[in-house]
Amino acid sequence: MSGISTGADDQIQLRQRPSLKRPSNYTVIMLNDDYTTMEFVIDCLVSIFKQDAEHAYSVMLDVHTKGAGICGVYSKEIAETRISIVHSRARKAGFPLQCIMEKNDD
């Protein structure tokens, strides 16, 4: 009977997979200013952060009344990209709107 030879000692060596760590998540936070319109903030929340109108309105009120509002939680690259889009649109529209990101503790 023919068998499969695995080496001189006939032992199978298994490679252990390295344990994979989930990437960190980042919270994107929109900051209040005295110039950006509420409508522009809502438009950014809907078009960039894919929020429905009701949730976007709620976040806009947080930005307006509390000084900051949470736009969403994303991987680092996605958070950076969305912040960049907000800043670019705001500059083109003449607003000083700012977003920041904070690393979540995992």
PDB file of N, CA and C in Angstrom:
ATOM      1  N   MET A   1       0.835  -1.159   0.000  1.00  0.00           N
ATOM      2  CA  MET A   1       0.000   0.000   0.000  1.00  0.00           C
ATOM      3  C   MET A   1       0.893   1.239   0.000  1.00  0.00           C
ATOM      4  N   SER A   2       0.539   2.147  -0.818  1.00  0.00           N
ATOM      5  CA  SER A   2       1.375   3.328  -0.948  1.00  0.00           C
ATOM      6  C   SER A   2       0.872   4.406   0.015  1.00  0.00           C
ATOM      7  N   GLY A   3       1.784   5.023   0.733  1.00  0.00           N
ATOM      8  CA  GLY A   3       1.412   6.065   1.694  1.00  0.00           C
ATOM      9  C   GLY A   3       2.090   7.369   1.352  1.00  0.00           C
ATOM     10  N   ILE A   4       1.696   8.365   2.018  1.00  0.00           N
ATOM     11  CA  ILE A   4       2.299   9.680   1.812  1.00  0.00           C
ATOM     12  C   ILE A   4       3.374   9.869   2.859  1.00  0.00           C
ATOM     13  N   SER A   5       4.569  10.106   2.395  1.00  0.00           N
ATOM     14  CA  SER A   5       5.678  10.318   3.301  1.00  0.00           C
ATOM     15  C   SER A   5       5.775  11.807   3.607  1.00  0.00           C
ATOM     16  N   THR A   6       5.868  12.098   4.875  1.00  0.00           N
ATOM     17  CA  THR A   6       5.942  13.501   5.275  1.00  0.00           C
ATOM     18  C   THR A   6       7.327  13.890   5.755  1.00  0.00           C
ATOM     19  N   GLY A   7       8.267  13.027   5.617  1.00  0.00           N
ATOM     20  CA  GLY A   7       9.622  13.342   6.039  1.00  0.00           C
ATOM     21  C   GLY A   7      10.218  12.148   6.734  1.00  0.00           C
ATOM     22  N   ALA A   8      11.426  12.308   7.201  1.00  0.00           N
ATOM     23  CA  ALA A   8      12.151  11.204   7.813  1.00  0.00           C
ATOM     24  C   ALA A   8      11.455  10.684   9.061  1.00  0.00           C
ATOM     25  N   ASP A   9      10.850  11.558   9.812  1.00  0.00           N
ATOM     26  CA  ASP A   9      10.216  11.127  11.062  1.00  0.00           C
ATOM     27  C   ASP A   9       8.729  10.869  10.882  1.00  0.00           C
ATOM     28  N   ASP A  10       8.224  10.978   9.682  1.00  0.00           N
ATOM     29  CA  ASP A  10       6.797  10.808   9.391  1.00  0.00           C
ATOM     30  C   ASP A  10       5.910  11.662  10.305  1.00  0.00           C
ATOM     31  N   GLN A  11       6.296  12.907  10.513  1.00  0.00           N
ATOM     32  CA  GLN A  11       5.487  13.843  11.304  1.00  0.00           C
ATOM     33  C   GLN A  11       5.068  14.999  10.413  1.00  0.00           C
ATOM     34  N   ILE A  12       3.878  15.422  10.615  1.00  0.00           N
ATOM     35  CA  ILE A  12       3.379  16.577   9.872  1.00  0.00           C
ATOM     36  C   ILE A  12       3.646  17.818  10.721  1.00  0.00           C
ATOM     37  N   GLN A  13       4.280  18.770  10.095  1.00  0.00           N
ATOM     38  CA  GLN A  13       4.525  20.020  10.808  1.00  0.00           C
ATOM     39  C   GLN A  13       3.495  21.048  10.362  1.00  0.00           C
ATOM     40  N   LEU A  14       2.791  21.565  11.323  1.00  0.00           N
ATOM     41  CA  LEU A  14       1.782  22.572  11.037  1.00  0.00           C
ATOM     42  C   LEU A  14       2.344  23.951  11.331  1.00  0.00           C
ATOM     43  N   ARG A  15       2.080  24.842  10.439  1.00  0.00           N
ATOM     44  CA  ARG A  15       2.470  26.230  10.662  1.00  0.00           C
ATOM     45  C   ARG A  15       1.341  26.925  11.410  1.00  0.00           C
ATOM     46  N   GLN A  16       1.706  27.639  12.412  1.00  0.00           N
ATOM     47  CA  GLN A  16       0.692  28.387  13.132  1.00  0.00           C
ATOM     48  C   GLN A  16       0.458  29.709  12.425  1.00  0.00           C
ATOM     49  N   ARG A  17      -0.803  30.006  12.275  1.00  0.00           N
ATOM     50  CA  ARG A  17      -1.142  31.295  11.683  1.00  0.00           C
ATOM     51  C   ARG A  17      -0.902  32.387  12.709  1.00  0.00           C
ATOM     52  N   PRO A  18      -0.352  33.479  12.271  1.00  0.00           N
ATOM     53  CA  PRO A  18      -0.197  34.580  13.219  1.00  0.00           C
ATOM     54  C   PRO A  18      -1.588  35.114  13.593  1.00  0.00           C
ATOM     55  N   SER A  19      -1.721  35.493  14.828  1.00  0.00           N
ATOM     56  CA  SER A  19      -3.028  36.027  15.226  1.00  0.00           C
ATOM     57  C   SER A  19      -3.194  37.410  14.598  1.00  0.00           C
ATOM     58  N   LEU A  20      -4.335  37.612  14.024  1.00  0.00           N
ATOM     59  CA  LEU A  20      -4.608  38.878  13.350  1.00  0.00           C
ATOM     60  C   LEU A  20      -5.311  39.826  14.307  1.00  0.00           C
ATOM     61  N   LYS A  21      -4.883  41.051  14.300  1.00  0.00           N
ATOM     62  CA  LYS A  21      -5.480  42.073  15.152  1.00  0.00           C
ATOM     63  C   LYS A  21      -6.414  42.924  14.297  1.00  0.00           C
ATOM     64  N   ARG A  22      -7.590  43.154  14.816  1.00  0.00           N
ATOM     65  CA  ARG A  22      -8.528  44.017  14.097  1.00  0.00           C
ATOM     66  C   ARG A  22      -7.956  45.428  14.028  1.00  0.00           C
ATOM     67  N   PRO A  23      -8.160  46.106  12.896  1.00  0.00           N
ATOM     68  CA  PRO A  23      -7.672  47.482  12.807  1.00  0.00           C
ATOM     69  C   PRO A  23      -8.425  48.379  13.782  1.00  0.00           C
ATOM     70  N   SER A  24      -7.759  49.395  14.253  1.00  0.00           N
ATOM     71  CA  SER A  24      -8.384  50.343  15.171  1.00  0.00           C
ATOM     72  C   SER A  24      -9.460  51.139  14.447  1.00  0.00           C
ATOM     73  N   ASN A  25     -10.451  51.525  15.202  1.00  0.00           N
ATOM     74  CA  ASN A  25     -11.503  52.391  14.669  1.00  0.00           C
ATOM     75  C   ASN A  25     -11.293  53.810  15.175  1.00  0.00           C
ATOM     76  N   TYR A  26     -11.765  54.755  14.377  1.00  0.00           N
ATOM     77  CA  TYR A  26     -11.630  56.167  14.703  1.00  0.00           C
ATOM     78  C   TYR A  26     -12.994  56.838  14.619  1.00  0.00           C
ATOM     79  N   THR A  27     -13.287  57.661  15.606  1.00  0.00           N
ATOM     80  CA  THR A  27     -14.521  58.425  15.622  1.00  0.00           C
ATOM     81  C   THR A  27     -14.259  59.766  14.941  1.00  0.00           C
ATOM     82  N   VAL A  28     -15.089  60.110  13.964  1.00  0.00           N
ATOM     83  CA  VAL A  28     -14.984  61.398  13.291  1.00  0.00           C
ATOM     84  C   VAL A  28     -15.935  62.367  13.994  1.00  0.00           C
ATOM     85  N   ILE A  29     -15.391  63.508  14.409  1.00  0.00           N
ATOM     86  CA  ILE A  29     -16.145  64.502  15.166  1.00  0.00           C
ATOM     87  C   ILE A  29     -16.138  65.820  14.403  1.00  0.00           C
ATOM     88  N   MET A  30     -17.321  66.387  14.227  1.00  0.00           N
ATOM     89  CA  MET A  30     -17.458  67.683  13.562  1.00  0.00           C
ATOM     90  C   MET A  30     -17.512  68.759  14.642  1.00  0.00           C
ATOM     91  N   LEU A  31     -16.747  69.835  14.430  1.00  0.00           N
ATOM     92  CA  LEU A  31     -16.644  70.909  15.412  1.00  0.00           C
ATOM     93  C   LEU A  31     -17.464  72.119  14.997  1.00  0.00           C
ATOM     94  N   ASN A  32     -18.010  72.796  15.982  1.00  0.00           N
ATOM     95  CA  ASN A  32     -18.818  73.986  15.733  1.00  0.00           C
ATOM     96  C   ASN A  32     -17.939  75.192  15.403  1.00  0.00           C
ATOM     97  N   ASP A  33     -18.469  76.079  14.616  1.00  0.00           N
ATOM     98  CA  ASP A  33     -17.867  77.389  14.374  1.00  0.00           C
ATOM     99  C   ASP A  33     -19.003  78.390  14.224  1.00  0.00           C
ATOM    100  N   ASP A  34     -18.666  79.657  14.132  1.00  0.00           N
ATOM    101  CA  ASP A  34     -19.701  80.694  14.082  1.00  0.00           C
ATOM    102  C   ASP A  34     -20.121  81.070  12.667  1.00  0.00           C
ATOM    103  N   TYR A  35     -19.642  80.375  11.659  1.00  0.00           N
ATOM    104  CA  TYR A  35     -19.895  80.795  10.288  1.00  0.00           C
ATOM    105  C   TYR A  35     -20.587  79.754   9.409  1.00  0.00           C
ATOM    106  N   THR A  36     -20.284  78.485   9.611  1.00  0.00           N
ATOM    107  CA  THR A  36     -20.850  77.443   8.757  1.00  0.00           C
ATOM    108  C   THR A  36     -22.348  77.319   9.008  1.00  0.00           C
ATOM    109  N   THR A  37     -23.118  77.296   7.937  1.00  0.00           N
ATOM    110  CA  THR A  37     -24.574  77.208   8.084  1.00  0.00           C
ATOM    111  C   THR A  37     -25.013  75.806   8.505  1.00  0.00           C
ATOM    112  N   MET A  38     -26.141  75.761   9.161  1.00  0.00           N
ATOM    113  CA  MET A  38     -26.698  74.477   9.580  1.00  0.00           C
ATOM    114  C   MET A  38     -27.029  73.617   8.363  1.00  0.00           C
ATOM    115  N   GLU A  39     -27.492  74.243   7.305  1.00  0.00           N
ATOM    116  CA  GLU A  39     -27.830  73.510   6.092  1.00  0.00           C
ATOM    117  C   GLU A  39     -26.603  72.844   5.480  1.00  0.00           C
ATOM    118  N   PHE A  40     -25.465  73.551   5.507  1.00  0.00           N
ATOM    119  CA  PHE A  40     -24.235  72.986   4.959  1.00  0.00           C
ATOM    120  C   PHE A  40     -23.784  71.790   5.792  1.00  0.00           C
ATOM    121  N   VAL A  41     -23.884  71.905   7.102  1.00  0.00           N
ATOM    122  CA  VAL A  41     -23.513  70.800   7.996  1.00  0.00           C
ATOM    123  C   VAL A  41     -24.381  69.586   7.708  1.00  0.00           C
ATOM    124  N   ILE A  42     -25.683  69.789   7.597  1.00  0.00           N
ATOM    125  CA  ILE A  42     -26.595  68.678   7.300  1.00  0.00           C
ATOM    126  C   ILE A  42     -26.251  68.055   5.951  1.00  0.00           C
ATOM    127  N   ASP A  43     -25.992  68.885   4.954  1.00  0.00           N
ATOM    128  CA  ASP A  43     -25.634  68.369   3.628  1.00  0.00           C
ATOM    129  C   ASP A  43     -24.379  67.497   3.694  1.00  0.00           C
ATOM    130  N   CYS A  44     -23.368  67.925   4.453  1.00  0.00           N
ATOM    131  CA  CYS A  44     -22.146  67.122   4.604  1.00  0.00           C
ATOM    132  C   CYS A  44     -22.450  65.800   5.297  1.00  0.00           C
ATOM    133  N   LEU A  45     -23.255  65.836   6.329  1.00  0.00           N
ATOM    134  CA  LEU A  45     -23.584  64.616   7.066  1.00  0.00           C
ATOM    135  C   LEU A  45     -24.347  63.620   6.194  1.00  0.00           C
ATOM    136  N   VAL A  46     -25.217  64.129   5.352  1.00  0.00           N
ATOM    137  CA  VAL A  46     -26.000  63.250   4.473  1.00  0.00           C
ATOM    138  C   VAL A  46     -25.147  62.733   3.316  1.00  0.00           C
ATOM    139  N   SER A  47     -24.439  63.628   2.647  1.00  0.00           N
ATOM    140  CA  SER A  47     -23.737  63.233   1.421  1.00  0.00           C
ATOM    141  C   SER A  47     -22.382  62.564   1.665  1.00  0.00           C
ATOM    142  N   ILE A  48     -21.675  62.959   2.701  1.00  0.00           N
ATOM    143  CA  ILE A  48     -20.342  62.401   2.949  1.00  0.00           C
ATOM    144  C   ILE A  48     -20.396  61.244   3.946  1.00  0.00           C
ATOM    145  N   PHE A  49     -21.188  61.416   5.000  1.00  0.00           N
ATOM    146  CA  PHE A  49     -21.241  60.404   6.054  1.00  0.00           C
ATOM    147  C   PHE A  49     -22.444  59.468   5.926  1.00  0.00           C
ATOM    148  N   LYS A  50     -23.226  59.640   4.862  1.00  0.00           N
ATOM    149  CA  LYS A  50     -24.339  58.740   4.514  1.00  0.00           C
ATOM    150  C   LYS A  50     -25.371  58.595   5.630  1.00  0.00           C
ATOM    151  N   GLN A  51     -25.653  59.710   6.314  1.00  0.00           N
ATOM    152  CA  GLN A  51     -26.676  59.689   7.349  1.00  0.00           C
ATOM    153  C   GLN A  51     -28.026  60.048   6.743  1.00  0.00           C
ATOM    154  N   ASP A  52     -29.084  59.519   7.331  1.00  0.00           N
ATOM    155  CA  ASP A  52     -30.400  59.938   6.872  1.00  0.00           C
ATOM    156  C   ASP A  52     -30.667  61.343   7.422  1.00  0.00           C
ATOM    157  N   ALA A  53     -31.628  62.029   6.846  1.00  0.00           N
ATOM    158  CA  ALA A  53     -31.883  63.437   7.163  1.00  0.00           C
ATOM    159  C   ALA A  53     -32.192  63.651   8.650  1.00  0.00           C
ATOM    160  N   GLU A  54     -32.945  62.755   9.241  1.00  0.00           N
ATOM    161  CA  GLU A  54     -33.320  62.903  10.655  1.00  0.00           C
ATOM    162  C   GLU A  54     -32.098  62.801  11.571  1.00  0.00           C
ATOM    163  N   HIS A  55     -31.251  61.810  11.316  1.00  0.00           N
ATOM    164  CA  HIS A  55     -30.039  61.647  12.132  1.00  0.00           C
ATOM    165  C   HIS A  55     -29.075  62.806  11.889  1.00  0.00           C
ATOM    166  N   ALA A  56     -28.947  63.236  10.658  1.00  0.00           N
ATOM    167  CA  ALA A  56     -28.070  64.361  10.324  1.00  0.00           C
ATOM    168  C   ALA A  56     -28.518  65.627  11.059  1.00  0.00           C
ATOM    169  N   TYR A  57     -29.820  65.833  11.137  1.00  0.00           N
ATOM    170  CA  TYR A  57     -30.357  66.997  11.849  1.00  0.00           C
ATOM    171  C   TYR A  57     -29.987  66.916  13.333  1.00  0.00           C
ATOM    172  N   SER A  58     -30.092  65.735  13.907  1.00  0.00           N
ATOM    173  CA  SER A  58     -29.757  65.531  15.318  1.00  0.00           C
ATOM    174  C   SER A  58     -28.274  65.806  15.572  1.00  0.00           C
ATOM    175  N   VAL A  59     -27.406  65.311  14.703  1.00  0.00           N
ATOM    176  CA  VAL A  59     -25.965  65.550  14.848  1.00  0.00           C
ATOM    177  C   VAL A  59     -25.665  67.040  14.671  1.00  0.00           C
ATOM    178  N   MET A  60     -26.316  67.674  13.703  1.00  0.00           N
ATOM    179  CA  MET A  60     -26.119  69.113  13.491  1.00  0.00           C
ATOM    180  C   MET A  60     -26.482  69.892  14.756  1.00  0.00           C
ATOM    181  N   LEU A  61     -27.562  69.502  15.425  1.00  0.00           N
ATOM    182  CA  LEU A  61     -27.948  70.181  16.673  1.00  0.00           C
ATOM    183  C   LEU A  61     -26.889  69.969  17.761  1.00  0.00           C
ATOM    184  N   ASP A  62     -26.295  68.772  17.816  1.00  0.00           N
ATOM    185  CA  ASP A  62     -25.203  68.537  18.762  1.00  0.00           C
ATOM    186  C   ASP A  62     -24.027  69.450  18.463  1.00  0.00           C
ATOM    187  N   VAL A  63     -23.687  69.565  17.198  1.00  0.00           N
ATOM    188  CA  VAL A  63     -22.586  70.439  16.797  1.00  0.00           C
ATOM    189  C   VAL A  63     -22.906  71.875  17.220  1.00  0.00           C
ATOM    190  N   HIS A  64     -24.114  72.311  16.958  1.00  0.00           N
ATOM    191  CA  HIS A  64     -24.518  73.690  17.224  1.00  0.00           C
ATOM    192  C   HIS A  64     -24.631  73.984  18.725  1.00  0.00           C
ATOM    193  N   THR A  65     -25.215  73.073  19.481  1.00  0.00           N
ATOM    194  CA  THR A  65     -25.487  73.353  20.901  1.00  0.00           C
ATOM    195  C   THR A  65     -24.382  72.867  21.845  1.00  0.00           C
ATOM    196  N   LYS A  66     -23.722  71.774  21.509  1.00  0.00           N
ATOM    197  CA  LYS A  66     -22.700  71.201  22.388  1.00  0.00           C
ATOM    198  C   LYS A  66     -21.281  71.494  21.933  1.00  0.00           C
ATOM    199  N   GLY A  67     -21.126  72.011  20.718  1.00  0.00           N
ATOM    200  CA  GLY A  67     -19.801  72.347  20.208  1.00  0.00           C
ATOM    201  C   GLY A  67     -19.164  71.270  19.354  1.00  0.00           C
ATOM    202  N   ALA A  68     -19.749  70.070  19.368  1.00  0.00           N
ATOM    203  CA  ALA A  68     -19.201  68.972  18.572  1.00  0.00           C
ATOM    204  C   ALA A  68     -20.270  67.901  18.408  1.00  0.00           C
ATOM    205  N   GLY A  69     -20.161  67.154  17.303  1.00  0.00           N
ATOM    206  CA  GLY A  69     -21.087  66.059  17.051  1.00  0.00           C
ATOM    207  C   GLY A  69     -20.367  64.912  16.379  1.00  0.00           C
ATOM    208  N   ILE A  70     -20.797  63.706  16.682  1.00  0.00           N
ATOM    209  CA  ILE A  70     -20.164  62.510  16.124  1.00  0.00           C
ATOM    210  C   ILE A  70     -20.762  62.203  14.752  1.00  0.00           C
ATOM    211  N   CYS A  71     -19.885  62.155  13.752  1.00  0.00           N
ATOM    212  CA  CYS A  71     -20.297  61.869  12.378  1.00  0.00           C
ATOM    213  C   CYS A  71     -20.334  60.377  12.090  1.00  0.00           C
ATOM    214  N   GLY A  72     -19.469  59.606  12.755  1.00  0.00           N
ATOM    215  CA  GLY A  72     -19.422  58.169  12.529  1.00  0.00           C
ATOM    216  C   GLY A  72     -18.117  57.579  13.020  1.00  0.00           C
ATOM    217  N   VAL A  73     -18.031  56.257  12.944  1.00  0.00           N
ATOM    218  CA  VAL A  73     -16.839  55.517  13.357  1.00  0.00           C
ATOM    219  C   VAL A  73     -16.362  54.706  12.161  1.00  0.00           C
ATOM    220  N   TYR A  74     -15.075  54.873  11.827  1.00  0.00           N
ATOM    221  CA  TYR A  74     -14.524  54.287  10.607  1.00  0.00           C
ATOM    222  C   TYR A  74     -13.105  53.794  10.838  1.00  0.00           C
ATOM    223  N   SER A  75     -12.596  53.043   9.874  1.00  0.00           N
ATOM    224  CA  SER A  75     -11.170  52.706   9.890  1.00  0.00           C
ATOM    225  C   SER A  75     -10.387  54.001   9.673  1.00  0.00           C
ATOM    226  N   LYS A  76      -9.113  53.979   9.975  1.00  0.00           N
ATOM    227  CA  LYS A  76      -8.290  55.190   9.895  1.00  0.00           C
ATOM    228  C   LYS A  76      -8.331  55.823   8.502  1.00  0.00           C
ATOM    229  N   GLU A  77      -8.154  55.014   7.474  1.00  0.00           N
ATOM    230  CA  GLU A  77      -8.090  55.546   6.116  1.00  0.00           C
ATOM    231  C   GLU A  77      -9.419  56.165   5.685  1.00  0.00           C
ATOM    232  N   ILE A  78     -10.506  55.517   6.018  1.00  0.00           N
ATOM    233  CA  ILE A  78     -11.826  56.044   5.650  1.00  0.00           C
ATOM    234  C   ILE A  78     -12.111  57.326   6.417  1.00  0.00           C
ATOM    235  N   ALA A  79     -11.773  57.357   7.708  1.00  0.00           N
ATOM    236  CA  ALA A  79     -11.973  58.573   8.511  1.00  0.00           C
ATOM    237  C   ALA A  79     -11.173  59.736   7.922  1.00  0.00           C
ATOM    238  N   GLU A  80      -9.911  59.487   7.586  1.00  0.00           N
ATOM    239  CA  GLU A  80      -9.073  60.547   7.005  1.00  0.00           C
ATOM    240  C   GLU A  80      -9.644  61.052   5.687  1.00  0.00           C
ATOM    241  N   THR A  81     -10.126  60.138   4.872  1.00  0.00           N
ATOM    242  CA  THR A  81     -10.673  60.520   3.571  1.00  0.00           C
ATOM    243  C   THR A  81     -11.927  61.372   3.735  1.00  0.00           C
ATOM    244  N   ARG A  82     -12.826  60.960   4.605  1.00  0.00           N
ATOM    245  CA  ARG A  82     -14.071  61.718   4.793  1.00  0.00           C
ATOM    246  C   ARG A  82     -13.803  63.088   5.393  1.00  0.00           C
ATOM    247  N   ILE A  83     -12.858  63.172   6.305  1.00  0.00           N
ATOM    248  CA  ILE A  83     -12.488  64.470   6.868  1.00  0.00           C
ATOM    249  C   ILE A  83     -11.918  65.365   5.771  1.00  0.00           C
ATOM    250  N   SER A  84     -11.080  64.809   4.934  1.00  0.00           N
ATOM    251  CA  SER A  84     -10.497  65.576   3.830  1.00  0.00           C
ATOM    252  C   SER A  84     -11.580  66.105   2.883  1.00  0.00           C
ATOM    253  N   ILE A  85     -12.574  65.284   2.603  1.00  0.00           N
ATOM    254  CA  ILE A  85     -13.674  65.709   1.728  1.00  0.00           C
ATOM    255  C   ILE A  85     -14.455  66.850   2.374  1.00  0.00           C
ATOM    256  N   VAL A  86     -14.745  66.733   3.670  1.00  0.00           N
ATOM    257  CA  VAL A  86     -15.462  67.805   4.378  1.00  0.00           C
ATOM    258  C   VAL A  86     -14.670  69.101   4.298  1.00  0.00           C
ATOM    259  N   HIS A  87     -13.385  69.036   4.608  1.00  0.00           N
ATOM    260  CA  HIS A  87     -12.561  70.249   4.594  1.00  0.00           C
ATOM    261  C   HIS A  87     -12.500  70.867   3.201  1.00  0.00           C
ATOM    262  N   SER A  88     -12.373  70.045   2.193  1.00  0.00           N
ATOM    263  CA  SER A  88     -12.311  70.536   0.822  1.00  0.00           C
ATOM    264  C   SER A  88     -13.619  71.228   0.426  1.00  0.00           C
ATOM    265  N   ARG A  89     -14.741  70.576   0.697  1.00  0.00           N
ATOM    266  CA  ARG A  89     -16.043  71.183   0.370  1.00  0.00           C
ATOM    267  C   ARG A  89     -16.274  72.468   1.141  1.00  0.00           C
ATOM    268  N   ALA A  90     -15.888  72.459   2.401  1.00  0.00           N
ATOM    269  CA  ALA A  90     -16.090  73.654   3.230  1.00  0.00           C
ATOM    270  C   ALA A  90     -15.271  74.824   2.696  1.00  0.00           C
ATOM    271  N   ARG A  91     -14.028  74.580   2.320  1.00  0.00           N
ATOM    272  CA  ARG A  91     -13.187  75.663   1.786  1.00  0.00           C
ATOM    273  C   ARG A  91     -13.769  76.218   0.491  1.00  0.00           C
ATOM    274  N   LYS A  92     -14.235  75.313  -0.376  1.00  0.00           N
ATOM    275  CA  LYS A  92     -14.830  75.758  -1.641  1.00  0.00           C
ATOM    276  C   LYS A  92     -16.082  76.600  -1.403  1.00  0.00           C
ATOM    277  N   ALA A  93     -16.815  76.286  -0.332  1.00  0.00           N
ATOM    278  CA  ALA A  93     -18.040  77.032  -0.017  1.00  0.00           C
ATOM    279  C   ALA A  93     -17.757  78.258   0.850  1.00  0.00           C
ATOM    280  N   GLY A  94     -16.508  78.436   1.257  1.00  0.00           N
ATOM    281  CA  GLY A  94     -16.133  79.601   2.057  1.00  0.00           C
ATOM    282  C   GLY A  94     -16.406  79.445   3.548  1.00  0.00           C
ATOM    283  N   PHE A  95     -16.487  78.210   4.051  1.00  0.00           N
ATOM    284  CA  PHE A  95     -16.741  77.960   5.463  1.00  0.00           C
ATOM    285  C   PHE A  95     -15.491  77.397   6.140  1.00  0.00           C
ATOM    286  N   PRO A  96     -15.322  77.704   7.439  1.00  0.00           N
ATOM    287  CA  PRO A  96     -14.166  77.176   8.177  1.00  0.00           C
ATOM    288  C   PRO A  96     -14.460  75.848   8.901  1.00  0.00           C
ATOM    289  N   LEU A  97     -15.441  75.106   8.449  1.00  0.00           N
ATOM    290  CA  LEU A  97     -15.859  73.877   9.117  1.00  0.00           C
ATOM    291  C   LEU A  97     -14.681  72.917   9.309  1.00  0.00           C
ATOM    292  N   GLN A  98     -14.582  72.342  10.497  1.00  0.00           N
ATOM    293  CA  GLN A  98     -13.502  71.427  10.838  1.00  0.00           C
ATOM    294  C   GLN A  98     -14.049  70.115  11.377  1.00  0.00           C
ATOM    295  N   CYS A  99     -13.377  69.037  11.027  1.00  0.00           N
ATOM    296  CA  CYS A  99     -13.628  67.719  11.601  1.00  0.00           C
ATOM    297  C   CYS A  99     -12.306  67.200  12.142  1.00  0.00           C
ATOM    298  N   ILE A 100     -12.404  66.423  13.198  1.00  0.00           N
ATOM    299  CA  ILE A 100     -11.232  65.760  13.749  1.00  0.00           C
ATOM    300  C   ILE A 100     -11.550  64.292  13.913  1.00  0.00           C
ATOM    301  N   MET A 101     -10.535  63.486  14.184  1.00  0.00           N
ATOM    302  CA  MET A 101     -10.782  62.076  14.448  1.00  0.00           C
ATOM    303  C   MET A 101     -10.044  61.680  15.713  1.00  0.00           C
ATOM    304  N   GLU A 102     -10.678  60.787  16.466  1.00  0.00           N
ATOM    305  CA  GLU A 102     -10.084  60.290  17.705  1.00  0.00           C
ATOM    306  C   GLU A 102     -10.059  58.779  17.650  1.00  0.00           C
ATOM    307  N   LYS A 103      -8.930  58.205  18.031  1.00  0.00           N
ATOM    308  CA  LYS A 103      -8.790  56.752  18.033  1.00  0.00           C
ATOM    309  C   LYS A 103      -9.632  56.170  19.168  1.00  0.00           C
ATOM    310  N   ASN A 104     -10.367  55.129  18.848  1.00  0.00           N
ATOM    311  CA  ASN A 104     -11.166  54.440  19.861  1.00  0.00           C
ATOM    312  C   ASN A 104     -10.289  53.469  20.611  1.00  0.00           C
ATOM    313  N   ASP A 105     -10.519  53.335  21.901  1.00  0.00           N
ATOM    314  CA  ASP A 105      -9.804  52.332  22.691  1.00  0.00           C
ATOM    315  C   ASP A 105     -10.426  50.986  22.414  1.00  0.00           C
ATOM    316  N   ASP A 106      -9.602  50.061  21.989  1.00  0.00           N
ATOM    317  CA  ASP A 106     -10.118  48.725  21.646  1.00  0.00           C
ATOM    318  C   ASP A 106      -9.928  47.757  22.774  1.00  0.00           C
TER     319      ASP A 106
END
